Amino acid sequence: MRFDVIFVLTVTSLARGSLAQQCDLSAYYAGIDLTAADVVALRQALHDRISPHSVVSYNDAWGALKVLDKDPANGSQVLLIYARTGMDASLQGLASGWNREHLWPKSYGVGYEGPDFSDLHCLRAADWNVNAARSNLFFDQCDPAVDSLCRAPAHTEASADTAKNRESFLPPASVRGDIARCMFYMALRYDGVEPDTENLTLTSCPCRTRHAMGNLTRLLEWHKSDPADDVERSRSALVCSGYQRNRNPFVDHPELAARLYDRSDGGGDAICQAGCPASTTPAPSTSPAPCLAPGDVAIVALNSDNPDMVALVALADLAAGTLVHITDDAWTESA
C-alpha cells in the first residue's frame, strides 16, 4: 500500500510540473500570430488555444475562490468583487456571507450546466446581498444626476462607487477593467459547440434571448481606463496553472480587445441591427377558481445560489392540487 501511495503522489507532482510549463506565458501563445491581419482566423486560433479547459466542479469552486480571491490584507478572508472589502472565507454560502458570482449571468446563456457554469476566469467571490442586488443586470454606466432611476451605491454593502438602475449595474472603478476582460474571455471561449453551452456574444444592445451581454461600448472603455495590474495577471495565471489549464488572452495581451471587439471602424453591431426577440416565457394560463389572492402565500426563505431554492408558506386554505409556478424570467404583461 505504501508503494501505491508514493506512486500516486509522484504522478501528481509530475502533472503539476507539466501544468506549470503549459501555462507559462512565454510559451502559451506559441504558434499564434497575434498581429495577423485575418481577425477571423486570429479569433479561431485563440479560441482553440483556450478551449477546452480542465473543468473545476461548481462545488470545488468554493475552495478555488478562497485561493484566487484571497484578500491580500488578510489571508483568512476573500476580497468581495462588488464591495471591495474582505469577508471571512468560512462564511461561504451563508445569507450573511458570500457566494459565487457569475459575472456573465446565467440568464444570458451560462445556464446551470456545462464548463461555463464554473469557469473560474469569470466566477468571483461576492457579498451575498450585493450579488442579489446586481441580479442579472448587464454592466454599464449609471449616474443618478442624469437618471432618476439610478441608485448609488448599488447596495448599502456595495462599494461607494457602484450604482444600478432597472437594467444595468455599475461595478467598482477598481475592477471595471477586470470585469470587461472577463466578458471578452467568455465571448471568445464559448461558441455553443460544447454540450450544455450557448454561443455567448457581446453587444452594445444587451439581449438575454440572444445570449448577448454588454454593454460592449462601455466594456471597451473600462478595459482602457482600468488596465490589468499584477493582481489580475497573477489571478489569470493561477487559474491556468492551478486549475483550468487556460489563460485569459485579454489579460496577457490587452491589444486583442480592440482587434476582436472594437466595431467603431464601421463593422457594425449585429445584435443592435437585428433587435432583441421577446422572451419565450409564455403568458400564464388562467387559473381555475378559486384563484390565489395577494397575501395567500408568503415567501419565507430564498437561496439564489446553486441550488436555487425558495420556501413558501400558505397563509390561506389552498385547494388540493394547487400549482404555484415560480420563475426568474416572469411574464410582464407585454408582448
Protein backbone atom coordinates (compact mmCIF):
# COMPACT_ATOMS: atom_id res chain seq x y z
CA MET A 1 0.00 0.00 0.00
CA ARG A 2 2.88 2.38 0.69
CA PHE A 3 4.19 1.99 -2.83
CA ASP A 4 0.73 2.72 -4.24
CA VAL A 5 0.53 5.99 -2.33
CA ILE A 6 4.08 7.03 -3.30
CA PHE A 7 3.30 6.28 -6.94
CA VAL A 8 0.17 8.46 -6.91
CA LEU A 9 1.99 11.35 -5.25
CA THR A 10 4.81 11.14 -7.79
CA VAL A 11 2.41 11.25 -10.73
CA THR A 12 0.59 14.21 -9.19
CA SER A 13 3.85 16.09 -8.77
CA LEU A 14 4.83 15.46 -12.36
CA ALA A 15 1.41 16.52 -13.59
CA ARG A 16 1.65 19.79 -11.70
CA GLY A 17 5.11 20.47 -13.11
CA SER A 18 3.85 19.81 -16.63
CA LEU A 19 0.85 22.01 -15.98
CA ALA A 20 3.04 24.93 -14.95
CA GLN A 21 5.00 24.59 -18.17
CA GLN A 22 1.81 24.53 -20.25
CA CYS A 23 0.70 27.78 -18.62
CA ASP A 24 3.99 29.65 -18.95
CA LEU A 25 3.19 32.98 -20.59
CA SER A 26 6.19 32.93 -22.91
CA ALA A 27 5.10 29.58 -24.39
CA TYR A 28 1.31 29.63 -24.09
CA TYR A 29 0.64 31.55 -27.32
CA ALA A 30 3.41 29.88 -29.33
CA GLY A 31 2.35 29.35 -32.94
CA ILE A 32 -0.31 32.09 -32.90
CA ASP A 33 0.39 35.27 -34.84
CA LEU A 34 -1.16 37.85 -32.54
CA THR A 35 -0.68 40.55 -35.17
CA ALA A 36 -2.32 38.57 -38.01
CA ALA A 37 -4.39 40.69 -40.38
CA ASP A 38 -7.06 37.98 -40.60
CA VAL A 39 -9.08 38.71 -37.45
CA VAL A 40 -11.43 35.78 -38.01
CA ALA A 41 -8.52 33.36 -38.16
CA LEU A 42 -6.92 35.01 -35.13
CA ARG A 43 -10.11 34.68 -33.13
CA GLN A 44 -10.40 31.00 -34.05
CA ALA A 45 -6.78 30.32 -33.14
CA LEU A 46 -7.22 31.95 -29.72
CA HIS A 47 -10.48 30.09 -29.14
CA ASP A 48 -8.79 26.80 -29.95
CA ARG A 49 -5.91 27.60 -27.59
CA ILE A 50 -8.12 28.28 -24.55
CA SER A 51 -10.64 25.54 -25.35
CA PRO A 52 -11.46 23.09 -23.94
CA HIS A 53 -10.19 23.56 -20.42
CA SER A 54 -9.92 21.37 -17.36
CA VAL A 55 -13.28 21.90 -15.66
CA VAL A 56 -13.47 22.56 -11.93
CA SER A 57 -16.78 21.46 -10.43
CA TYR A 58 -19.09 24.14 -9.12
CA ASN A 59 -18.71 22.69 -5.63
CA ASP A 60 -14.91 22.72 -5.84
CA ALA A 61 -15.11 26.34 -6.98
CA TRP A 62 -15.65 27.31 -3.33
CA GLY A 63 -12.13 26.22 -2.48
CA ALA A 64 -10.68 27.70 -5.64
CA LEU A 65 -12.20 31.13 -4.95
CA LYS A 66 -10.76 31.11 -1.44
CA VAL A 67 -7.36 30.97 -3.10
CA LEU A 68 -7.95 33.08 -6.20
CA ASP A 69 -9.85 35.86 -4.42
CA LYS A 70 -7.92 35.78 -1.16
CA ASP A 71 -7.77 39.21 0.45
CA PRO A 72 -4.12 40.41 0.28
CA ALA A 73 -4.64 42.19 3.58
CA ASN A 74 -5.98 39.11 5.40
CA GLY A 75 -5.29 35.58 4.26
CA SER A 76 -8.32 34.17 6.07
CA GLN A 77 -10.71 36.36 4.07
CA VAL A 78 -11.89 36.66 0.48
CA LEU A 79 -11.97 40.05 -1.25
CA LEU A 80 -15.51 40.69 -2.48
CA ILE A 81 -15.81 41.78 -6.11
CA TYR A 82 -18.51 44.44 -5.70
CA ALA A 83 -17.93 45.51 -2.09
CA ARG A 84 -14.09 45.63 -2.28
CA THR A 85 -13.94 44.59 1.36
CA GLY A 86 -12.76 41.38 2.95
CA MET A 87 -15.05 38.73 4.41
CA ASP A 88 -14.21 35.63 6.42
CA ALA A 89 -13.77 32.82 3.88
CA SER A 90 -15.60 30.40 6.18
CA LEU A 91 -18.87 32.28 5.56
CA GLN A 92 -19.29 30.67 2.14
CA GLY A 93 -22.88 30.06 1.06
CA LEU A 94 -24.46 31.84 4.04
CA ALA A 95 -27.03 34.58 3.55
CA SER A 96 -24.90 36.71 5.86
CA GLY A 97 -21.75 35.74 3.98
CA TRP A 98 -20.52 35.37 0.41
CA ASN A 99 -21.37 33.32 -2.64
CA ARG A 100 -20.11 32.56 -6.14
CA GLU A 101 -20.94 35.38 -8.52
CA HIS A 102 -21.33 34.68 -12.23
CA LEU A 103 -20.11 37.90 -13.78
CA TRP A 104 -21.73 36.66 -17.01
CA PRO A 105 -25.27 35.99 -15.72
CA LYS A 106 -26.82 32.55 -16.02
CA SER A 107 -29.84 34.04 -17.80
CA TYR A 108 -27.56 35.45 -20.52
CA GLY A 109 -26.55 31.96 -21.63
CA VAL A 110 -24.39 30.39 -18.93
CA GLY A 111 -27.25 28.34 -17.50
CA TYR A 112 -26.71 25.73 -14.80
CA GLU A 113 -24.62 23.11 -16.59
CA GLY A 114 -21.50 22.93 -18.73
CA PRO A 115 -17.94 24.24 -18.39
CA ASP A 116 -19.06 27.88 -18.46
CA PHE A 117 -21.07 27.44 -15.26
CA SER A 118 -17.95 27.06 -13.11
CA ASP A 119 -15.38 28.86 -15.25
CA LEU A 120 -13.06 30.48 -12.72
CA HIS A 121 -11.99 33.26 -15.07
CA CYS A 122 -15.48 34.73 -14.68
CA LEU A 123 -16.57 33.44 -11.27
CA ARG A 124 -15.83 35.68 -8.30
CA ALA A 125 -16.47 35.88 -4.58
CA ALA A 126 -19.28 38.34 -3.87
CA ASP A 127 -21.24 39.60 -0.89
CA TRP A 128 -24.50 37.66 -0.91
CA ASN A 129 -26.72 40.73 -0.62
CA VAL A 130 -24.83 42.79 -3.19
CA ASN A 131 -24.86 39.84 -5.57
CA ALA A 132 -28.63 39.68 -5.20
CA ALA A 133 -28.85 43.42 -5.89
CA ARG A 134 -26.82 43.02 -9.07
CA SER A 135 -29.07 40.08 -10.10
CA ASN A 136 -28.72 39.54 -13.87
CA LEU A 137 -28.20 43.19 -14.85
CA PHE A 138 -25.74 43.89 -17.63
CA PHE A 139 -22.77 46.19 -16.98
CA ASP A 140 -22.98 49.85 -17.92
CA GLN A 141 -22.63 53.41 -16.68
CA CYS A 142 -25.29 54.70 -14.27
CA ASP A 143 -25.40 58.27 -12.96
CA PRO A 144 -28.10 59.46 -10.52
CA ALA A 145 -27.51 63.03 -11.74
CA VAL A 146 -28.94 62.20 -15.16
CA ASP A 147 -31.03 59.10 -14.39
CA SER A 148 -33.70 59.38 -11.73
CA LEU A 149 -33.91 55.58 -11.54
CA CYS A 150 -30.20 55.18 -10.88
CA ARG A 151 -29.30 54.31 -7.29
CA ALA A 152 -25.82 54.87 -5.88
CA PRO A 153 -24.33 52.94 -4.29
CA ALA A 154 -25.97 49.88 -5.80
CA HIS A 155 -26.49 48.45 -2.29
CA THR A 156 -25.65 49.60 1.21
CA GLU A 157 -22.98 46.89 1.41
CA ALA A 158 -21.51 47.67 -2.03
CA SER A 159 -18.57 49.92 -2.77
CA ALA A 160 -19.47 53.63 -2.75
CA ASP A 161 -18.67 54.00 -6.46
CA THR A 162 -21.20 51.39 -7.58
CA ALA A 163 -24.64 52.16 -8.98
CA LYS A 164 -27.60 50.43 -10.62
CA ASN A 165 -30.91 51.05 -12.31
CA ARG A 166 -33.54 48.65 -13.61
CA GLU A 167 -31.37 47.47 -16.50
CA SER A 168 -27.70 47.91 -15.67
CA PHE A 169 -25.11 47.67 -12.93
CA LEU A 170 -22.01 49.86 -12.49
CA PRO A 171 -19.25 47.92 -10.67
CA PRO A 172 -16.47 49.50 -8.58
CA ALA A 173 -13.98 51.51 -10.62
CA SER A 174 -11.05 49.37 -9.47
CA VAL A 175 -12.45 46.22 -11.11
CA ARG A 176 -14.27 47.59 -14.16
CA GLY A 177 -11.40 46.61 -16.42
CA ASP A 178 -11.14 43.18 -14.76
CA ILE A 179 -14.82 42.58 -15.46
CA ALA A 180 -14.50 43.79 -19.04
CA ARG A 181 -11.69 41.32 -19.70
CA CYS A 182 -13.76 38.54 -18.17
CA MET A 183 -16.57 39.39 -20.60
CA PHE A 184 -14.14 39.39 -23.54
CA TYR A 185 -12.85 35.99 -22.46
CA MET A 186 -16.31 34.41 -22.16
CA ALA A 187 -17.41 35.59 -25.60
CA LEU A 188 -14.20 34.14 -27.09
CA ARG A 189 -14.25 30.89 -25.12
CA TYR A 190 -17.87 29.79 -25.64
CA ASP A 191 -19.36 29.32 -29.10
CA GLY A 192 -22.10 26.83 -28.23
CA VAL A 193 -20.32 23.82 -29.71
CA GLU A 194 -19.69 22.05 -26.38
CA PRO A 195 -22.62 20.32 -24.65
CA ASP A 196 -24.59 22.49 -22.22
CA THR A 197 -23.17 25.75 -23.57
CA GLU A 198 -24.51 28.59 -25.71
CA ASN A 199 -22.88 30.88 -28.24
CA LEU A 200 -22.05 33.82 -25.99
CA THR A 201 -21.58 37.18 -27.61
CA LEU A 202 -21.02 40.82 -26.69
CA THR A 203 -23.04 43.78 -27.88
CA SER A 204 -23.87 47.39 -27.12
CA CYS A 205 -27.53 46.30 -27.07
CA PRO A 206 -27.65 43.51 -24.43
CA CYS A 207 -30.22 40.81 -25.14
CA ARG A 208 -30.85 37.76 -22.97
CA THR A 209 -32.66 35.79 -25.65
CA ARG A 210 -29.61 36.08 -27.90
CA HIS A 211 -27.17 35.38 -25.03
CA ALA A 212 -25.65 38.78 -25.79
CA MET A 213 -24.04 40.51 -22.81
CA GLY A 214 -22.79 44.08 -22.56
CA ASN A 215 -22.63 46.98 -22.74
CA LEU A 216 -19.74 46.35 -25.13
CA THR A 217 -19.07 50.05 -25.75
CA ARG A 218 -18.67 50.64 -22.01
CA LEU A 219 -16.60 47.47 -21.51
CA LEU A 220 -14.08 48.62 -24.09
CA GLU A 221 -13.83 51.98 -22.32
CA TRP A 222 -13.26 50.28 -18.96
CA HIS A 223 -10.66 47.99 -20.50
CA LYS A 224 -8.63 51.08 -21.43
CA SER A 225 -9.23 53.13 -18.28
CA ASP A 226 -8.55 50.23 -15.87
CA PRO A 227 -5.72 48.15 -17.39
CA ALA A 228 -4.69 44.80 -15.95
CA ASP A 229 -2.44 45.05 -12.90
CA ASP A 230 -0.18 42.49 -11.23
CA VAL A 231 -3.03 41.15 -9.10
CA GLU A 232 -5.22 40.44 -12.11
CA ARG A 233 -2.34 38.95 -14.07
CA SER A 234 -1.44 36.70 -11.16
CA ARG A 235 -5.03 35.52 -10.81
CA SER A 236 -5.31 34.66 -14.50
CA ALA A 237 -2.02 32.78 -14.37
CA LEU A 238 -3.09 30.84 -11.28
CA VAL A 239 -6.43 29.89 -12.84
CA CYS A 240 -4.33 28.28 -15.57
CA SER A 241 -1.54 26.64 -13.56
CA GLY A 242 -3.65 25.64 -10.58
CA TYR A 243 -7.00 24.73 -12.07
CA GLN A 244 -8.13 25.06 -15.69
CA ARG A 245 -5.02 24.99 -17.91
CA ASN A 246 -6.15 28.04 -19.87
CA ARG A 247 -5.30 31.73 -19.66
CA ASN A 248 -7.28 34.87 -20.38
CA PRO A 249 -5.75 36.32 -23.57
CA PHE A 250 -7.13 39.79 -22.87
CA VAL A 251 -5.21 39.99 -19.60
CA ASP A 252 -2.00 38.82 -21.27
CA HIS A 253 -2.39 40.85 -24.47
CA PRO A 254 -4.71 43.84 -23.89
CA GLU A 255 -4.45 44.94 -27.53
CA LEU A 256 -6.56 41.93 -28.54
CA ALA A 257 -9.74 43.50 -27.17
CA ALA A 258 -9.79 46.25 -29.80
CA ARG A 259 -8.86 43.83 -32.56
CA LEU A 260 -11.63 41.36 -31.76
CA TYR A 261 -14.39 43.60 -30.40
CA ASP A 262 -13.99 47.25 -31.41
CA ARG A 263 -16.61 47.95 -34.10
CA SER A 264 -16.03 51.69 -34.39
CA ASP A 265 -14.47 51.06 -37.80
CA GLY A 266 -17.92 50.54 -39.28
CA GLY A 267 -18.17 46.79 -38.74
CA GLY A 268 -21.49 47.28 -37.00
CA ASP A 269 -23.14 45.52 -34.10
CA ALA A 270 -25.23 42.60 -35.38
CA ILE A 271 -27.37 42.43 -32.23
CA CYS A 272 -28.22 46.12 -32.33
CA GLN A 273 -29.09 45.83 -36.01
CA ALA A 274 -31.19 42.68 -35.65
CA GLY A 275 -33.00 43.66 -32.46
CA CYS A 276 -33.80 41.57 -29.42
CA PRO A 277 -36.61 38.98 -29.67
CA ALA A 278 -39.09 38.94 -26.82
CA SER A 279 -38.64 36.38 -24.08
CA THR A 280 -40.11 32.97 -24.83
CA THR A 281 -41.63 32.79 -21.36
CA PRO A 282 -45.31 32.09 -22.04
CA ALA A 283 -48.10 34.16 -20.57
CA PRO A 284 -49.60 32.35 -17.57
CA SER A 285 -52.80 30.46 -18.22
CA THR A 286 -55.95 31.43 -16.38
CA SER A 287 -56.21 29.52 -13.12
CA PRO A 288 -59.45 27.73 -12.27
CA ALA A 289 -61.42 29.26 -9.44
CA PRO A 290 -60.69 29.77 -6.67
CA CYS A 291 -57.53 31.69 -7.59
CA LEU A 292 -54.83 32.72 -5.20
CA ALA A 293 -55.21 36.22 -3.85
CA PRO A 294 -52.43 38.58 -2.79
CA GLY A 295 -51.25 37.54 0.67
CA ASP A 296 -52.36 33.89 0.36
CA VAL A 297 -48.76 32.67 0.07
CA ALA A 298 -45.65 34.05 1.77
CA ILE A 299 -42.03 33.57 0.74
CA VAL A 300 -40.15 32.69 3.92
CA ALA A 301 -36.76 31.68 2.53
CA LEU A 302 -34.79 32.25 -0.66
CA ASN A 303 -31.47 30.86 -1.85
CA SER A 304 -30.24 32.49 -5.06
CA ASP A 305 -27.07 30.41 -5.18
CA ASN A 306 -26.87 26.93 -6.62
CA PRO A 307 -29.07 25.11 -5.95
CA ASP A 308 -31.78 27.75 -6.22
CA MET A 309 -34.35 27.26 -3.50
CA VAL A 310 -37.48 29.04 -2.34
CA ALA A 311 -39.66 28.14 0.64
CA LEU A 312 -43.34 29.10 0.68
CA VAL A 313 -45.92 29.07 3.46
CA ALA A 314 -49.65 29.07 2.74
CA LEU A 315 -51.47 31.73 4.75
CA ALA A 316 -54.87 30.67 3.45
CA ASP A 317 -56.57 27.38 2.72
CA LEU A 318 -55.48 26.11 -0.69
CA ALA A 319 -57.36 23.59 -2.76
CA ALA A 320 -55.73 20.20 -3.15
CA GLY A 321 -53.54 20.11 -6.25
CA THR A 322 -52.97 23.88 -6.39
CA LEU A 323 -49.90 24.61 -8.52
CA VAL A 324 -47.67 27.58 -7.84
CA HIS A 325 -45.21 28.49 -10.61
CA ILE A 326 -42.05 30.45 -9.80
CA THR A 327 -39.71 31.91 -12.40
CA ASP A 328 -36.82 34.37 -12.60
CA ASP A 329 -37.98 35.39 -16.08
CA ALA A 330 -41.51 36.44 -15.25
CA TRP A 331 -44.24 37.49 -17.67
CA THR A 332 -44.57 41.27 -17.64
CA GLU A 333 -47.89 41.58 -19.48
CA SER A 334 -46.04 42.83 -22.53
CA ALA A 335 -45.74 41.27 -25.97
